[in-house]
Amino acid sequence: MLLVGIAMIVLPGPAFIVIPIGLGILSLEFERPRIWLEKLRARVQAAGTKLREKRRQQREN
């Protein structure tokens, strides 16, 4: 699943959905993918927070 997601980065397809699913599956068995998945979640949450702040600032102006 993870390899398919990586291939979808250059091929047509929803790589941004498939890669986290593959990491989730691997994280059930291995520690390293669990760490990668936690880092990915933190980055997505930070990006979402930043985007919400930017939108809020644009509305106020």
PDB file of N, CA and C in Angstrom:
ATOM      1  N   MET A   1       0.830  -1.176   0.000  1.00  0.00           N
ATOM      2  CA  MET A   1       0.000   0.000   0.000  1.00  0.00           C
ATOM      3  C   MET A   1       0.881   1.249   0.000  1.00  0.00           C
ATOM      4  N   LEU A   2       1.901   1.248   0.813  1.00  0.00           N
ATOM      5  CA  LEU A   2       2.807   2.394   0.883  1.00  0.00           C
ATOM      6  C   LEU A   2       3.537   2.572  -0.438  1.00  0.00           C
ATOM      7  N   LEU A   3       3.995   1.482  -1.033  1.00  0.00           N
ATOM      8  CA  LEU A   3       4.693   1.556  -2.322  1.00  0.00           C
ATOM      9  C   LEU A   3       3.763   2.071  -3.421  1.00  0.00           C
ATOM     10  N   VAL A   4       2.512   1.689  -3.371  1.00  0.00           N
ATOM     11  CA  VAL A   4       1.540   2.179  -4.345  1.00  0.00           C
ATOM     12  C   VAL A   4       1.376   3.690  -4.182  1.00  0.00           C
ATOM     13  N   GLY A   5       1.301   4.160  -2.950  1.00  0.00           N
ATOM     14  CA  GLY A   5       1.184   5.591  -2.688  1.00  0.00           C
ATOM     15  C   GLY A   5       2.393   6.363  -3.174  1.00  0.00           C
ATOM     16  N   ILE A   6       3.566   5.805  -2.973  1.00  0.00           N
ATOM     17  CA  ILE A   6       4.785   6.468  -3.449  1.00  0.00           C
ATOM     18  C   ILE A   6       4.783   6.522  -4.972  1.00  0.00           C
ATOM     19  N   ALA A   7       4.337   5.451  -5.610  1.00  0.00           N
ATOM     20  CA  ALA A   7       4.256   5.450  -7.077  1.00  0.00           C
ATOM     21  C   ALA A   7       3.257   6.494  -7.560  1.00  0.00           C
ATOM     22  N   MET A   8       2.199   6.731  -6.794  1.00  0.00           N
ATOM     23  CA  MET A   8       1.179   7.698  -7.187  1.00  0.00           C
ATOM     24  C   MET A   8       1.659   9.141  -7.087  1.00  0.00           C
ATOM     25  N   ILE A   9       2.797   9.367  -6.464  1.00  0.00           N
ATOM     26  CA  ILE A   9       3.346  10.719  -6.419  1.00  0.00           C
ATOM     27  C   ILE A   9       3.644  11.183  -7.845  1.00  0.00           C
ATOM     28  N   VAL A  10       4.165  10.293  -8.676  1.00  0.00           N
ATOM     29  CA  VAL A  10       4.481  10.652 -10.058  1.00  0.00           C
ATOM     30  C   VAL A  10       3.419  10.167 -11.035  1.00  0.00           C
ATOM     31  N   LEU A  11       2.635   9.186 -10.661  1.00  0.00           N
ATOM     32  CA  LEU A  11       1.561   8.677 -11.504  1.00  0.00           C
ATOM     33  C   LEU A  11       0.239   9.289 -11.041  1.00  0.00           C
ATOM     34  N   PRO A  12      -0.768   9.289 -11.886  1.00  0.00           N
ATOM     35  CA  PRO A  12      -2.059   9.821 -11.457  1.00  0.00           C
ATOM     36  C   PRO A  12      -2.656   8.981 -10.331  1.00  0.00           C
ATOM     37  N   GLY A  13      -3.154   9.654  -9.330  1.00  0.00           N
ATOM     38  CA  GLY A  13      -3.782   8.953  -8.221  1.00  0.00           C
ATOM     39  C   GLY A  13      -3.674   9.743  -6.938  1.00  0.00           C
ATOM     40  N   PRO A  14      -4.443   9.363  -5.947  1.00  0.00           N
ATOM     41  CA  PRO A  14      -4.495  10.091  -4.676  1.00  0.00           C
ATOM     42  C   PRO A  14      -3.393   9.662  -3.698  1.00  0.00           C
ATOM     43  N   ALA A  15      -2.157   9.983  -4.006  1.00  0.00           N
ATOM     44  CA  ALA A  15      -1.032   9.565  -3.164  1.00  0.00           C
ATOM     45  C   ALA A  15      -1.153  10.102  -1.751  1.00  0.00           C
ATOM     46  N   PHE A  16      -1.680  11.319  -1.601  1.00  0.00           N
ATOM     47  CA  PHE A  16      -1.777  11.918  -0.270  1.00  0.00           C
ATOM     48  C   PHE A  16      -2.770  11.191   0.623  1.00  0.00           C
ATOM     49  N   ILE A  17      -3.580  10.313   0.058  1.00  0.00           N
ATOM     50  CA  ILE A  17      -4.496   9.487   0.850  1.00  0.00           C
ATOM     51  C   ILE A  17      -3.899   8.098   1.076  1.00  0.00           C
ATOM     52  N   VAL A  18      -3.296   7.533   0.060  1.00  0.00           N
ATOM     53  CA  VAL A  18      -2.813   6.151   0.113  1.00  0.00           C
ATOM     54  C   VAL A  18      -1.577   6.019   1.012  1.00  0.00           C
ATOM     55  N   ILE A  19      -0.671   6.984   0.976  1.00  0.00           N
ATOM     56  CA  ILE A  19       0.558   6.888   1.783  1.00  0.00           C
ATOM     57  C   ILE A  19       0.240   6.845   3.284  1.00  0.00           C
ATOM     58  N   PRO A  20      -0.606   7.756   3.825  1.00  0.00           N
ATOM     59  CA  PRO A  20      -0.928   7.637   5.253  1.00  0.00           C
ATOM     60  C   PRO A  20      -1.637   6.335   5.618  1.00  0.00           C
ATOM     61  N   ILE A  21      -2.460   5.816   4.700  1.00  0.00           N
ATOM     62  CA  ILE A  21      -3.114   4.529   4.971  1.00  0.00           C
ATOM     63  C   ILE A  21      -2.066   3.420   5.069  1.00  0.00           C
ATOM     64  N   GLY A  22      -1.096   3.419   4.138  1.00  0.00           N
ATOM     65  CA  GLY A  22      -0.019   2.433   4.185  1.00  0.00           C
ATOM     66  C   GLY A  22       0.813   2.553   5.452  1.00  0.00           C
ATOM     67  N   LEU A  23       1.109   3.801   5.852  1.00  0.00           N
ATOM     68  CA  LEU A  23       1.856   3.990   7.095  1.00  0.00           C
ATOM     69  C   LEU A  23       1.056   3.503   8.297  1.00  0.00           C
ATOM     70  N   GLY A  24      -0.244   3.731   8.264  1.00  0.00           N
ATOM     71  CA  GLY A  24      -1.099   3.259   9.355  1.00  0.00           C
ATOM     72  C   GLY A  24      -1.074   1.750   9.483  1.00  0.00           C
ATOM     73  N   ILE A  25      -1.123   1.074   8.357  1.00  0.00           N
ATOM     74  CA  ILE A  25      -1.080  -0.397   8.364  1.00  0.00           C
ATOM     75  C   ILE A  25       0.271  -0.882   8.885  1.00  0.00           C
ATOM     76  N   LEU A  26       1.355  -0.289   8.390  1.00  0.00           N
ATOM     77  CA  LEU A  26       2.691  -0.696   8.846  1.00  0.00           C
ATOM     78  C   LEU A  26       2.927  -0.360  10.319  1.00  0.00           C
ATOM     79  N   SER A  27       2.304   0.738  10.803  1.00  0.00           N
ATOM     80  CA  SER A  27       2.535   1.144  12.186  1.00  0.00           C
ATOM     81  C   SER A  27       1.937   0.162  13.187  1.00  0.00           C
ATOM     82  N   LEU A  28       1.051  -0.697  12.718  1.00  0.00           N
ATOM     83  CA  LEU A  28       0.510  -1.724  13.610  1.00  0.00           C
ATOM     84  C   LEU A  28       1.569  -2.751  13.995  1.00  0.00           C
ATOM     85  N   GLU A  29       2.571  -2.911  13.140  1.00  0.00           N
ATOM     86  CA  GLU A  29       3.604  -3.915  13.372  1.00  0.00           C
ATOM     87  C   GLU A  29       4.973  -3.339  13.737  1.00  0.00           C
ATOM     88  N   PHE A  30       5.297  -2.171  13.194  1.00  0.00           N
ATOM     89  CA  PHE A  30       6.649  -1.647  13.324  1.00  0.00           C
ATOM     90  C   PHE A  30       6.648  -0.256  13.951  1.00  0.00           C
ATOM     91  N   GLU A  31       7.690   0.033  14.704  1.00  0.00           N
ATOM     92  CA  GLU A  31       7.799   1.307  15.414  1.00  0.00           C
ATOM     93  C   GLU A  31       8.117   2.471  14.474  1.00  0.00           C
ATOM     94  N   ARG A  32       9.014   2.291  13.522  1.00  0.00           N
ATOM     95  CA  ARG A  32       9.450   3.397  12.645  1.00  0.00           C
ATOM     96  C   ARG A  32       8.279   4.013  11.867  1.00  0.00           C
ATOM     97  N   PRO A  33       7.419   3.214  11.216  1.00  0.00           N
ATOM     98  CA  PRO A  33       6.271   3.834  10.531  1.00  0.00           C
ATOM     99  C   PRO A  33       5.340   4.565  11.495  1.00  0.00           C
ATOM    100  N   ARG A  34       5.250   4.081  12.729  1.00  0.00           N
ATOM    101  CA  ARG A  34       4.419   4.755  13.734  1.00  0.00           C
ATOM    102  C   ARG A  34       4.969   6.150  14.009  1.00  0.00           C
ATOM    103  N   ILE A  35       6.284   6.267  14.093  1.00  0.00           N
ATOM    104  CA  ILE A  35       6.916   7.568  14.308  1.00  0.00           C
ATOM    105  C   ILE A  35       6.668   8.471  13.105  1.00  0.00           C
ATOM    106  N   TRP A  36       6.828   7.939  11.899  1.00  0.00           N
ATOM    107  CA  TRP A  36       6.584   8.731  10.679  1.00  0.00           C
ATOM    108  C   TRP A  36       5.144   9.209  10.627  1.00  0.00           C
ATOM    109  N   LEU A  37       4.207   8.334  10.999  1.00  0.00           N
ATOM    110  CA  LEU A  37       2.798   8.689  10.971  1.00  0.00           C
ATOM    111  C   LEU A  37       2.498   9.788  11.996  1.00  0.00           C
ATOM    112  N   GLU A  38       3.112   9.709  13.163  1.00  0.00           N
ATOM    113  CA  GLU A  38       2.922  10.753  14.178  1.00  0.00           C
ATOM    114  C   GLU A  38       3.475  12.093  13.689  1.00  0.00           C
ATOM    115  N   LYS A  39       4.633  12.068  13.037  1.00  0.00           N
ATOM    116  CA  LYS A  39       5.199  13.300  12.483  1.00  0.00           C
ATOM    117  C   LYS A  39       4.297  13.867  11.388  1.00  0.00           C
ATOM    118  N   LEU A  40       3.777  12.986  10.539  1.00  0.00           N
ATOM    119  CA  LEU A  40       2.883  13.418   9.473  1.00  0.00           C
ATOM    120  C   LEU A  40       1.622  14.055  10.054  1.00  0.00           C
ATOM    121  N   ARG A  41       1.052  13.439  11.063  1.00  0.00           N
ATOM    122  CA  ARG A  41      -0.137  14.000  11.714  1.00  0.00           C
ATOM    123  C   ARG A  41       0.151  15.376  12.298  1.00  0.00           C
ATOM    124  N   ALA A  42       1.298  15.522  12.952  1.00  0.00           N
ATOM    125  CA  ALA A  42       1.660  16.809  13.540  1.00  0.00           C
ATOM    126  C   ALA A  42       1.810  17.877  12.461  1.00  0.00           C
ATOM    127  N   ARG A  43       2.424  17.531  11.341  1.00  0.00           N
ATOM    128  CA  ARG A  43       2.596  18.501  10.245  1.00  0.00           C
ATOM    129  C   ARG A  43       1.260  18.895   9.635  1.00  0.00           C
ATOM    130  N   VAL A  44       0.369  17.928   9.463  1.00  0.00           N
ATOM    131  CA  VAL A  44      -0.947  18.218   8.888  1.00  0.00           C
ATOM    132  C   VAL A  44      -1.739  19.111   9.844  1.00  0.00           C
ATOM    133  N   GLN A  45      -1.674  18.828  11.134  1.00  0.00           N
ATOM    134  CA  GLN A  45      -2.382  19.661  12.108  1.00  0.00           C
ATOM    135  C   GLN A  45      -1.810  21.070  12.133  1.00  0.00           C
ATOM    136  N   ALA A  46      -0.484  21.201  12.071  1.00  0.00           N
ATOM    137  CA  ALA A  46       0.146  22.522  12.068  1.00  0.00           C
ATOM    138  C   ALA A  46      -0.235  23.293  10.810  1.00  0.00           C
ATOM    139  N   ALA A  47      -0.261  22.615   9.677  1.00  0.00           N
ATOM    140  CA  ALA A  47      -0.647  23.274   8.425  1.00  0.00           C
ATOM    141  C   ALA A  47      -2.105  23.719   8.487  1.00  0.00           C
ATOM    142  N   GLY A  48      -2.966  22.897   9.047  1.00  0.00           N
ATOM    143  CA  GLY A  48      -4.378  23.256   9.191  1.00  0.00           C
ATOM    144  C   GLY A  48      -4.567  24.452  10.099  1.00  0.00           C
ATOM    145  N   THR A  49      -3.835  24.486  11.203  1.00  0.00           N
ATOM    146  CA  THR A  49      -3.902  25.618  12.123  1.00  0.00           C
ATOM    147  C   THR A  49      -3.419  26.893  11.447  1.00  0.00           C
ATOM    148  N   LYS A  50      -2.328  26.795  10.726  1.00  0.00           N
ATOM    149  CA  LYS A  50      -1.770  27.949  10.020  1.00  0.00           C
ATOM    150  C   LYS A  50      -2.758  28.462   8.970  1.00  0.00           C
ATOM    151  N   LEU A  51      -3.389  27.553   8.241  1.00  0.00           N
ATOM    152  CA  LEU A  51      -4.357  27.934   7.223  1.00  0.00           C
ATOM    153  C   LEU A  51      -5.573  28.609   7.852  1.00  0.00           C
ATOM    154  N   ARG A  52      -6.066  28.073   8.961  1.00  0.00           N
ATOM    155  CA  ARG A  52      -7.207  28.693   9.642  1.00  0.00           C
ATOM    156  C   ARG A  52      -6.863  30.089  10.135  1.00  0.00           C
ATOM    157  N   GLU A  53      -5.662  30.265  10.683  1.00  0.00           N
ATOM    158  CA  GLU A  53      -5.228  31.584  11.144  1.00  0.00           C
ATOM    159  C   GLU A  53      -5.138  32.567   9.981  1.00  0.00           C
ATOM    160  N   LYS A  54      -4.611  32.112   8.861  1.00  0.00           N
ATOM    161  CA  LYS A  54      -4.474  32.971   7.685  1.00  0.00           C
ATOM    162  C   LYS A  54      -5.848  33.390   7.170  1.00  0.00           C
ATOM    163  N   ARG A  55      -6.795  32.458   7.123  1.00  0.00           N
ATOM    164  CA  ARG A  55      -8.154  32.777   6.688  1.00  0.00           C
ATOM    165  C   ARG A  55      -8.815  33.763   7.645  1.00  0.00           C
ATOM    166  N   ARG A  56      -8.621  33.547   8.941  1.00  0.00           N
ATOM    167  CA  ARG A  56      -9.218  34.429   9.938  1.00  0.00           C
ATOM    168  C   ARG A  56      -8.676  35.842   9.797  1.00  0.00           C
ATOM    169  N   GLN A  57      -7.389  35.968   9.544  1.00  0.00           N
ATOM    170  CA  GLN A  57      -6.770  37.276   9.366  1.00  0.00           C
ATOM    171  C   GLN A  57      -7.285  37.946   8.097  1.00  0.00           C
ATOM    172  N   GLN A  58      -7.502  37.191   7.037  1.00  0.00           N
ATOM    173  CA  GLN A  58      -8.019  37.753   5.796  1.00  0.00           C
ATOM    174  C   GLN A  58      -9.433  38.256   5.975  1.00  0.00           C
ATOM    175  N   ARG A  59     -10.237  37.566   6.757  1.00  0.00           N
ATOM    176  CA  ARG A  59     -11.618  37.997   7.019  1.00  0.00           C
ATOM    177  C   ARG A  59     -11.646  39.295   7.824  1.00  0.00           C
ATOM    178  N   GLU A  60     -10.706  39.444   8.748  1.00  0.00           N
ATOM    179  CA  GLU A  60     -10.669  40.631   9.586  1.00  0.00           C
ATOM    180  C   GLU A  60     -10.241  41.860   8.794  1.00  0.00           C
ATOM    181  N   ASN A  61      -9.462  41.678   7.742  1.00  0.00           N
ATOM    182  CA  ASN A  61      -8.989  42.820   6.942  1.00  0.00           C
ATOM    183  C   ASN A  61     -10.009  43.137   5.934  1.00  0.00           C
TER     184      ASN A  61
END
